[in-house]
Structure formats: structure tokens, C-alpha cells
Amino acid sequence: MGAELIRGTIWTALAFYFVSCGLQLAGRGRNGWEKAARLCWTLGCAAFVVHVLCAFQFAYGWSHRTALDFTAQRTAQVVGAAVGQGVWVSYFFTGLWIADCALWWTPSLASFRAQRWYQASIAAFFVFMVVNGAMIFESGAVRWFAGASFLTLVV
């Protein structure tokens, strides 16, 4: 059941992420769309946090070392180099998503979040993380879907 929770929570997070991105693009400047996008963004973040908790509970036994070793092993299988430090990038990603949600829900900080350089930075980093995660931790059709999603977001 642990593996299903890990997979289900990341798919839920990704679904909300993509819906939020679509709503942000389609409804730019429209208040109702912005609220829906913010809610989806927040639900995606919550699902991602649950994903991380499930991964540590069911796959890593609450061990950072195990997470580091597993990530290094998967990276070696895909790119030929055993690099586990991506776990630290994932920790940063988790904190960034939580912080970005807080920015979006705080009216006095929403104008900062709306700046183009900030939006572009967040978008680029999120796309990198989504594609990287799918390429390292998934195989087959999921990798193709990740590639297609990446191209869609770039376009």
C-alpha cells in the first residue's frame, strides 16, 4: 500500500500543478480564475508534502541516508552517475512550494509574487523538478508523458 500512496500523492500533486498552471495562463488578470489557480496550487503543494511524508515513511524508513542512497542508485541507472545530492534540491523544492503558497495567500506579498522575474524563476525551477523527477524515478510511458508535458509548458 505504501508504493500506491507514494505514486498516488505525486500524481495528485502533478494534476493540481498542471491545472493551476493552465488556469494561470488562461485566466491571467481574471479574479475568479486566479482564485481557482491559487487553490489548485495550494492543493498540489499539500499533496506533494504528503508525497514526501509517504516516501519517507514507506520507502526510506525516515532515513535521509537511505533517501540519498536510493536517489544516487536511480540516478546512476538513468544517467550513469551516482548522484544523490538531488535529495537536497528536493528539500529546497518542497520548502519553496510551501513558501510560494504562503506568498500567494498573503495579500500584502501577492504583488511580489506577481513579478515576472519571480514567476519565470518559479516556473523554470518547477518544470526542471517535474521533468527530472519523472526521468529519474519513473520509466516507460511516464517518462514520455513527462517529456511531452515539459514541451507543452515550454510552448
N, C-alpha and C. Protein backbone atom coordinates (compact mmCIF):
# COMPACT_ATOMS: atom_id res chain seq x y z
N MET A 1 0.82 -1.20 0.00
CA MET A 1 0.00 0.00 0.00
C MET A 1 0.86 1.26 0.00
N GLY A 2 2.05 1.19 0.58
CA GLY A 2 2.93 2.35 0.63
C GLY A 2 3.30 2.86 -0.74
N ALA A 3 3.62 1.94 -1.66
CA ALA A 3 4.00 2.35 -3.01
C ALA A 3 2.85 3.04 -3.72
N GLU A 4 1.63 2.56 -3.50
CA GLU A 4 0.45 3.19 -4.11
C GLU A 4 0.23 4.59 -3.55
N LEU A 5 0.46 4.76 -2.26
CA LEU A 5 0.33 6.10 -1.67
C LEU A 5 1.39 7.05 -2.20
N ILE A 6 2.61 6.56 -2.33
CA ILE A 6 3.69 7.40 -2.87
C ILE A 6 3.34 7.83 -4.29
N ARG A 7 2.94 6.86 -5.11
CA ARG A 7 2.62 7.17 -6.51
C ARG A 7 1.35 8.03 -6.61
N GLY A 8 0.33 7.69 -5.84
CA GLY A 8 -0.93 8.43 -5.92
C GLY A 8 -0.80 9.89 -5.48
N THR A 9 0.00 10.12 -4.46
CA THR A 9 0.16 11.50 -3.99
C THR A 9 0.96 12.35 -4.96
N ILE A 10 1.94 11.75 -5.64
CA ILE A 10 2.69 12.57 -6.61
C ILE A 10 1.83 12.85 -7.83
N TRP A 11 1.02 11.88 -8.26
CA TRP A 11 0.13 12.13 -9.39
C TRP A 11 -0.92 13.17 -9.05
N THR A 12 -1.40 13.15 -7.82
CA THR A 12 -2.36 14.17 -7.37
C THR A 12 -1.70 15.54 -7.38
N ALA A 13 -0.49 15.62 -6.84
CA ALA A 13 0.25 16.89 -6.82
C ALA A 13 0.46 17.41 -8.24
N LEU A 14 0.86 16.52 -9.14
CA LEU A 14 1.10 16.93 -10.53
C LEU A 14 -0.19 17.38 -11.21
N ALA A 15 -1.28 16.69 -10.95
CA ALA A 15 -2.55 17.08 -11.57
C ALA A 15 -2.93 18.49 -11.14
N PHE A 16 -2.85 18.77 -9.84
CA PHE A 16 -3.17 20.12 -9.37
C PHE A 16 -2.17 21.15 -9.91
N TYR A 17 -0.91 20.76 -10.00
CA TYR A 17 0.12 21.66 -10.55
C TYR A 17 -0.23 22.06 -11.99
N PHE A 18 -0.53 21.05 -12.82
CA PHE A 18 -0.82 21.35 -14.22
C PHE A 18 -2.12 22.12 -14.38
N VAL A 19 -3.14 21.80 -13.60
CA VAL A 19 -4.39 22.55 -13.66
C VAL A 19 -4.15 24.00 -13.25
N SER A 20 -3.40 24.19 -12.19
CA SER A 20 -3.10 25.55 -11.74
C SER A 20 -2.35 26.33 -12.81
N CYS A 21 -1.36 25.70 -13.42
CA CYS A 21 -0.61 26.38 -14.49
C CYS A 21 -1.54 26.77 -15.64
N GLY A 22 -2.41 25.86 -16.02
CA GLY A 22 -3.36 26.15 -17.09
C GLY A 22 -4.29 27.28 -16.74
N LEU A 23 -4.80 27.26 -15.51
CA LEU A 23 -5.69 28.34 -15.06
C LEU A 23 -4.96 29.68 -15.01
N GLN A 24 -3.71 29.66 -14.59
CA GLN A 24 -2.94 30.91 -14.54
C GLN A 24 -2.74 31.48 -15.93
N LEU A 25 -2.48 30.61 -16.89
CA LEU A 25 -2.26 31.08 -18.26
C LEU A 25 -3.55 31.52 -18.91
N ALA A 26 -4.61 30.72 -18.75
CA ALA A 26 -5.88 31.02 -19.41
C ALA A 26 -6.60 32.20 -18.77
N GLY A 27 -6.44 32.36 -17.47
CA GLY A 27 -7.21 33.38 -16.78
C GLY A 27 -6.41 34.56 -16.31
N ARG A 28 -5.27 34.80 -16.92
CA ARG A 28 -4.42 35.91 -16.49
C ARG A 28 -5.21 37.20 -16.38
N GLY A 29 -5.21 37.77 -15.17
CA GLY A 29 -5.89 39.02 -14.94
C GLY A 29 -7.35 38.89 -14.56
N ARG A 30 -7.88 37.68 -14.58
CA ARG A 30 -9.28 37.48 -14.22
C ARG A 30 -9.34 36.94 -12.79
N ASN A 31 -10.01 37.64 -11.92
CA ASN A 31 -10.00 37.34 -10.49
C ASN A 31 -10.49 35.92 -10.17
N GLY A 32 -11.59 35.49 -10.74
CA GLY A 32 -12.13 34.16 -10.45
C GLY A 32 -11.16 33.04 -10.83
N TRP A 33 -10.51 33.21 -11.95
CA TRP A 33 -9.56 32.20 -12.41
C TRP A 33 -8.35 32.17 -11.49
N GLU A 34 -7.93 33.35 -11.06
CA GLU A 34 -6.76 33.44 -10.17
C GLU A 34 -7.02 32.72 -8.86
N LYS A 35 -8.21 32.87 -8.32
CA LYS A 35 -8.56 32.19 -7.07
C LYS A 35 -8.55 30.68 -7.26
N ALA A 36 -9.09 30.21 -8.37
CA ALA A 36 -9.10 28.77 -8.65
C ALA A 36 -7.67 28.25 -8.84
N ALA A 37 -6.85 29.04 -9.53
CA ALA A 37 -5.45 28.64 -9.74
C ALA A 37 -4.71 28.56 -8.41
N ARG A 38 -4.93 29.54 -7.54
CA ARG A 38 -4.28 29.56 -6.24
C ARG A 38 -4.71 28.36 -5.40
N LEU A 39 -5.99 28.02 -5.44
CA LEU A 39 -6.47 26.86 -4.69
C LEU A 39 -5.84 25.57 -5.22
N CYS A 40 -5.80 25.42 -6.53
CA CYS A 40 -5.18 24.22 -7.12
C CYS A 40 -3.69 24.15 -6.78
N TRP A 41 -3.02 25.29 -6.82
CA TRP A 41 -1.60 25.37 -6.48
C TRP A 41 -1.37 24.90 -5.05
N THR A 42 -2.24 25.36 -4.16
CA THR A 42 -2.13 25.00 -2.74
C THR A 42 -2.44 23.53 -2.52
N LEU A 43 -3.46 23.02 -3.18
CA LEU A 43 -3.79 21.59 -3.05
C LEU A 43 -2.67 20.73 -3.62
N GLY A 44 -2.05 21.20 -4.71
CA GLY A 44 -0.90 20.48 -5.27
C GLY A 44 0.25 20.44 -4.29
N CYS A 45 0.50 21.56 -3.64
CA CYS A 45 1.56 21.64 -2.64
C CYS A 45 1.28 20.69 -1.48
N ALA A 46 0.04 20.70 -1.01
CA ALA A 46 -0.32 19.81 0.10
C ALA A 46 -0.14 18.36 -0.30
N ALA A 47 -0.56 18.01 -1.51
CA ALA A 47 -0.38 16.63 -1.98
C ALA A 47 1.10 16.28 -2.08
N PHE A 48 1.92 17.25 -2.51
CA PHE A 48 3.36 16.98 -2.61
C PHE A 48 3.97 16.76 -1.23
N VAL A 49 3.57 17.54 -0.25
CA VAL A 49 4.07 17.35 1.11
C VAL A 49 3.68 15.96 1.62
N VAL A 50 2.44 15.54 1.35
CA VAL A 50 2.01 14.19 1.74
C VAL A 50 2.84 13.14 0.99
N HIS A 51 3.16 13.41 -0.28
CA HIS A 51 4.02 12.50 -1.06
C HIS A 51 5.38 12.33 -0.39
N VAL A 52 5.98 13.44 0.01
CA VAL A 52 7.29 13.38 0.67
C VAL A 52 7.19 12.59 1.98
N LEU A 53 6.16 12.86 2.75
CA LEU A 53 5.96 12.12 4.00
C LEU A 53 5.76 10.63 3.75
N CYS A 54 4.97 10.30 2.74
CA CYS A 54 4.76 8.88 2.40
C CYS A 54 6.06 8.23 1.94
N ALA A 55 6.85 8.93 1.14
CA ALA A 55 8.13 8.38 0.68
C ALA A 55 9.04 8.10 1.86
N PHE A 56 9.11 9.02 2.79
CA PHE A 56 9.97 8.79 3.95
C PHE A 56 9.42 7.70 4.86
N GLN A 57 8.11 7.61 4.96
CA GLN A 57 7.53 6.56 5.80
C GLN A 57 7.70 5.17 5.18
N PHE A 58 7.32 5.03 3.91
CA PHE A 58 7.22 3.71 3.30
C PHE A 58 8.45 3.27 2.51
N ALA A 59 9.23 4.22 1.99
CA ALA A 59 10.37 3.84 1.16
C ALA A 59 11.72 4.04 1.85
N TYR A 60 11.83 5.06 2.68
CA TYR A 60 13.13 5.41 3.24
C TYR A 60 13.25 5.16 4.73
N GLY A 61 12.18 4.74 5.39
CA GLY A 61 12.24 4.47 6.82
C GLY A 61 12.69 5.67 7.64
N TRP A 62 12.30 6.86 7.20
CA TRP A 62 12.65 8.12 7.85
C TRP A 62 14.17 8.33 7.94
N SER A 63 14.89 7.79 6.96
CA SER A 63 16.35 7.92 6.93
C SER A 63 16.78 8.79 5.75
N HIS A 64 17.43 9.90 6.05
CA HIS A 64 17.98 10.75 5.00
C HIS A 64 19.02 9.97 4.20
N ARG A 65 19.84 9.19 4.87
CA ARG A 65 20.89 8.41 4.20
C ARG A 65 20.27 7.43 3.19
N THR A 66 19.18 6.78 3.56
CA THR A 66 18.51 5.86 2.65
C THR A 66 17.97 6.61 1.44
N ALA A 67 17.39 7.78 1.66
CA ALA A 67 16.88 8.61 0.55
C ALA A 67 18.02 9.02 -0.37
N LEU A 68 19.13 9.41 0.21
CA LEU A 68 20.31 9.81 -0.56
C LEU A 68 20.85 8.65 -1.39
N ASP A 69 20.97 7.48 -0.76
CA ASP A 69 21.48 6.29 -1.46
C ASP A 69 20.54 5.85 -2.58
N PHE A 70 19.23 5.86 -2.31
CA PHE A 70 18.26 5.46 -3.32
C PHE A 70 18.30 6.40 -4.52
N THR A 71 18.36 7.70 -4.24
CA THR A 71 18.42 8.69 -5.31
C THR A 71 19.70 8.51 -6.13
N ALA A 72 20.81 8.26 -5.47
CA ALA A 72 22.08 8.03 -6.18
C ALA A 72 21.99 6.79 -7.06
N GLN A 73 21.38 5.74 -6.55
CA GLN A 73 21.23 4.50 -7.31
C GLN A 73 20.36 4.72 -8.55
N ARG A 74 19.22 5.39 -8.40
CA ARG A 74 18.32 5.65 -9.53
C ARG A 74 18.99 6.57 -10.55
N THR A 75 19.70 7.57 -10.07
CA THR A 75 20.39 8.48 -10.98
C THR A 75 21.46 7.74 -11.77
N ALA A 76 22.18 6.85 -11.12
CA ALA A 76 23.21 6.05 -11.80
C ALA A 76 22.58 5.18 -12.89
N GLN A 77 21.42 4.62 -12.63
CA GLN A 77 20.75 3.77 -13.62
C GLN A 77 20.32 4.57 -14.85
N VAL A 78 19.96 5.84 -14.64
CA VAL A 78 19.44 6.64 -15.74
C VAL A 78 20.53 7.39 -16.49
N VAL A 79 21.44 8.04 -15.75
CA VAL A 79 22.44 8.88 -16.40
C VAL A 79 23.87 8.37 -16.26
N GLY A 80 24.06 7.30 -15.51
CA GLY A 80 25.39 6.72 -15.38
C GLY A 80 26.27 7.30 -14.30
N ALA A 81 25.72 8.22 -13.50
CA ALA A 81 26.49 8.82 -12.40
C ALA A 81 25.66 8.72 -11.12
N ALA A 82 26.27 8.18 -10.09
CA ALA A 82 25.58 8.02 -8.80
C ALA A 82 25.60 9.34 -8.03
N VAL A 83 24.58 10.16 -8.27
CA VAL A 83 24.48 11.47 -7.63
C VAL A 83 23.23 11.48 -6.75
N GLY A 84 23.43 11.53 -5.45
CA GLY A 84 22.30 11.53 -4.54
C GLY A 84 21.96 12.89 -3.99
N GLN A 85 22.77 13.88 -4.29
CA GLN A 85 22.56 15.21 -3.73
C GLN A 85 21.27 15.87 -4.21
N GLY A 86 20.64 15.26 -5.19
CA GLY A 86 19.35 15.78 -5.64
C GLY A 86 18.31 15.78 -4.54
N VAL A 87 18.53 14.97 -3.51
CA VAL A 87 17.62 14.96 -2.37
C VAL A 87 17.57 16.35 -1.75
N TRP A 88 18.72 17.02 -1.66
CA TRP A 88 18.76 18.36 -1.09
C TRP A 88 17.98 19.34 -1.95
N VAL A 89 18.05 19.16 -3.27
CA VAL A 89 17.28 20.01 -4.17
C VAL A 89 15.78 19.76 -3.96
N SER A 90 15.43 18.51 -3.72
CA SER A 90 14.03 18.18 -3.44
C SER A 90 13.55 18.82 -2.14
N TYR A 91 14.40 18.84 -1.13
CA TYR A 91 14.04 19.52 0.12
C TYR A 91 13.80 21.01 -0.15
N PHE A 92 14.70 21.61 -0.93
CA PHE A 92 14.54 23.02 -1.27
C PHE A 92 13.24 23.25 -2.04
N PHE A 93 12.97 22.37 -2.99
CA PHE A 93 11.75 22.46 -3.79
C PHE A 93 10.51 22.42 -2.89
N THR A 94 10.50 21.51 -1.94
CA THR A 94 9.37 21.40 -1.02
C THR A 94 9.18 22.70 -0.25
N GLY A 95 10.26 23.22 0.31
CA GLY A 95 10.17 24.48 1.05
C GLY A 95 9.76 25.64 0.18
N LEU A 96 10.26 25.67 -1.05
CA LEU A 96 9.92 26.74 -1.97
C LEU A 96 8.44 26.72 -2.32
N TRP A 97 7.89 25.53 -2.55
CA TRP A 97 6.47 25.44 -2.91
C TRP A 97 5.61 25.91 -1.73
N ILE A 98 5.98 25.50 -0.54
CA ILE A 98 5.24 25.95 0.65
C ILE A 98 5.33 27.47 0.79
N ALA A 99 6.53 28.01 0.64
CA ALA A 99 6.72 29.46 0.76
C ALA A 99 5.96 30.20 -0.32
N ASP A 100 5.95 29.66 -1.54
CA ASP A 100 5.23 30.32 -2.63
C ASP A 100 3.72 30.33 -2.35
N CYS A 101 3.21 29.24 -1.80
CA CYS A 101 1.79 29.23 -1.42
C CYS A 101 1.51 30.31 -0.38
N ALA A 102 2.39 30.43 0.59
CA ALA A 102 2.21 31.46 1.63
C ALA A 102 2.22 32.85 1.01
N LEU A 103 3.12 33.08 0.04
CA LEU A 103 3.15 34.37 -0.65
C LEU A 103 1.82 34.65 -1.33
N TRP A 104 1.29 33.64 -2.00
CA TRP A 104 0.08 33.82 -2.79
C TRP A 104 -1.14 34.07 -1.90
N TRP A 105 -1.14 33.51 -0.71
CA TRP A 105 -2.27 33.68 0.20
C TRP A 105 -2.15 34.93 1.07
N THR A 106 -1.02 35.60 1.04
CA THR A 106 -0.80 36.79 1.87
C THR A 106 -0.97 38.03 0.99
N PRO A 107 -2.08 38.74 1.14
CA PRO A 107 -2.36 39.87 0.25
C PRO A 107 -1.22 40.90 0.16
N SER A 108 -0.55 41.18 1.25
CA SER A 108 0.50 42.19 1.22
C SER A 108 1.74 41.72 0.45
N LEU A 109 1.85 40.42 0.20
CA LEU A 109 3.00 39.88 -0.53
C LEU A 109 2.66 39.41 -1.94
N ALA A 110 1.39 39.43 -2.27
CA ALA A 110 0.95 38.93 -3.58
C ALA A 110 1.56 39.72 -4.73
N SER A 111 1.81 41.02 -4.52
CA SER A 111 2.40 41.82 -5.60
C SER A 111 3.84 41.39 -5.89
N PHE A 112 4.56 40.95 -4.84
CA PHE A 112 5.91 40.43 -5.06
C PHE A 112 5.84 39.16 -5.91
N ARG A 113 4.91 38.27 -5.56
CA ARG A 113 4.76 37.01 -6.28
C ARG A 113 4.37 37.23 -7.74
N ALA A 114 3.70 38.34 -8.02
CA ALA A 114 3.22 38.62 -9.37
C ALA A 114 4.30 39.14 -10.32
N GLN A 115 5.48 39.45 -9.81
CA GLN A 115 6.55 39.99 -10.65
C GLN A 115 6.98 38.94 -11.67
N ARG A 116 7.24 39.38 -12.88
CA ARG A 116 7.57 38.45 -13.97
C ARG A 116 8.83 37.63 -13.70
N TRP A 117 9.86 38.25 -13.18
CA TRP A 117 11.11 37.52 -12.94
C TRP A 117 10.87 36.40 -11.92
N TYR A 118 10.03 36.69 -10.93
CA TYR A 118 9.73 35.69 -9.92
C TYR A 118 8.94 34.55 -10.54
N GLN A 119 7.90 34.88 -11.30
CA GLN A 119 7.07 33.86 -11.94
C GLN A 119 7.90 33.00 -12.89
N ALA A 120 8.78 33.63 -13.66
CA ALA A 120 9.61 32.88 -14.60
C ALA A 120 10.57 31.95 -13.86
N SER A 121 11.14 32.43 -12.77
CA SER A 121 12.06 31.61 -11.97
C SER A 121 11.36 30.40 -11.37
N ILE A 122 10.19 30.65 -10.79
CA ILE A 122 9.41 29.55 -10.19
C ILE A 122 9.02 28.55 -11.28
N ALA A 123 8.52 29.04 -12.39
CA ALA A 123 8.08 28.16 -13.47
C ALA A 123 9.23 27.30 -13.99
N ALA A 124 10.37 27.91 -14.22
CA ALA A 124 11.52 27.17 -14.73
C ALA A 124 11.99 26.10 -13.75
N PHE A 125 12.06 26.46 -12.48
CA PHE A 125 12.52 25.50 -11.48
C PHE A 125 11.52 24.35 -11.32
N PHE A 126 10.22 24.67 -11.33
CA PHE A 126 9.21 23.62 -11.19
C PHE A 126 9.24 22.67 -12.39
N VAL A 127 9.36 23.21 -13.59
CA VAL A 127 9.44 22.36 -14.78
C VAL A 127 10.67 21.45 -14.68
N PHE A 128 11.79 22.02 -14.28
CA PHE A 128 13.01 21.23 -14.10
C PHE A 128 12.77 20.08 -13.12
N MET A 129 12.14 20.38 -12.00
CA MET A 129 11.92 19.36 -10.96
C MET A 129 10.94 18.28 -11.43
N VAL A 130 9.88 18.68 -12.10
CA VAL A 130 8.89 17.71 -12.57
C VAL A 130 9.51 16.77 -13.59
N VAL A 131 10.19 17.33 -14.56
CA VAL A 131 10.80 16.50 -15.60
C VAL A 131 11.91 15.64 -15.01
N ASN A 132 12.75 16.23 -14.18
CA ASN A 132 13.84 15.49 -13.55
C ASN A 132 13.29 14.33 -12.71
N GLY A 133 12.27 14.60 -11.91
CA GLY A 133 11.68 13.56 -11.07
C GLY A 133 11.11 12.43 -11.90
N ALA A 134 10.42 12.77 -12.97
CA ALA A 134 9.84 11.73 -13.83
C ALA A 134 10.92 10.94 -14.55
N MET A 135 11.97 11.61 -14.97
CA MET A 135 13.03 10.91 -15.70
C MET A 135 13.84 10.00 -14.78
N ILE A 136 14.05 10.40 -13.54
CA ILE A 136 14.86 9.61 -12.62
C ILE A 136 14.05 8.52 -11.94
N PHE A 137 12.86 8.83 -11.49
CA PHE A 137 12.13 7.90 -10.65
C PHE A 137 11.05 7.09 -11.37
N GLU A 138 10.80 7.38 -12.63
CA GLU A 138 9.79 6.63 -13.39
C GLU A 138 10.42 6.04 -14.64
N SER A 139 9.64 5.24 -15.33
CA SER A 139 10.13 4.63 -16.57
C SER A 139 8.99 4.52 -17.57
N GLY A 140 9.32 4.10 -18.78
CA GLY A 140 8.31 3.85 -19.80
C GLY A 140 7.48 5.06 -20.18
N ALA A 141 6.16 4.85 -20.18
CA ALA A 141 5.22 5.87 -20.64
C ALA A 141 5.28 7.14 -19.80
N VAL A 142 5.57 6.98 -18.52
CA VAL A 142 5.63 8.16 -17.64
C VAL A 142 6.74 9.09 -18.09
N ARG A 143 7.87 8.53 -18.49
CA ARG A 143 8.96 9.38 -18.99
C ARG A 143 8.53 10.14 -20.24
N TRP A 144 7.81 9.45 -21.14
CA TRP A 144 7.33 10.10 -22.36
C TRP A 144 6.33 11.20 -22.01
N PHE A 145 5.44 10.92 -21.07
CA PHE A 145 4.47 11.92 -20.63
C PHE A 145 5.17 13.13 -20.04
N ALA A 146 6.21 12.89 -19.25
CA ALA A 146 6.97 14.00 -18.66
C ALA A 146 7.60 14.85 -19.74
N GLY A 147 8.17 14.20 -20.74
CA GLY A 147 8.78 14.94 -21.85
C GLY A 147 7.76 15.76 -22.61
N ALA A 148 6.60 15.16 -22.88
CA ALA A 148 5.54 15.87 -23.59
C ALA A 148 5.01 17.03 -22.76
N SER A 149 4.85 16.82 -21.46
CA SER A 149 4.40 17.88 -20.56
C SER A 149 5.39 19.03 -20.52
N PHE A 150 6.67 18.68 -20.49
CA PHE A 150 7.72 19.70 -20.50
C PHE A 150 7.63 20.55 -21.76
N LEU A 151 7.51 19.90 -22.90
CA LEU A 151 7.40 20.64 -24.16
C LEU A 151 6.15 21.52 -24.19
N THR A 152 5.05 21.00 -23.64
CA THR A 152 3.80 21.78 -23.61
C THR A 152 3.99 23.04 -22.77
N LEU A 153 4.61 22.90 -21.61
CA LEU A 153 4.83 24.06 -20.74
C LEU A 153 5.79 25.07 -21.36
N VAL A 154 6.80 24.58 -22.06
CA VAL A 154 7.75 25.48 -22.71
C VAL A 154 7.05 26.29 -23.79
N VAL A 155 6.23 25.61 -24.58
CA VAL A 155 5.49 26.28 -25.65
C VAL A 155 4.51 27.25 -25.04
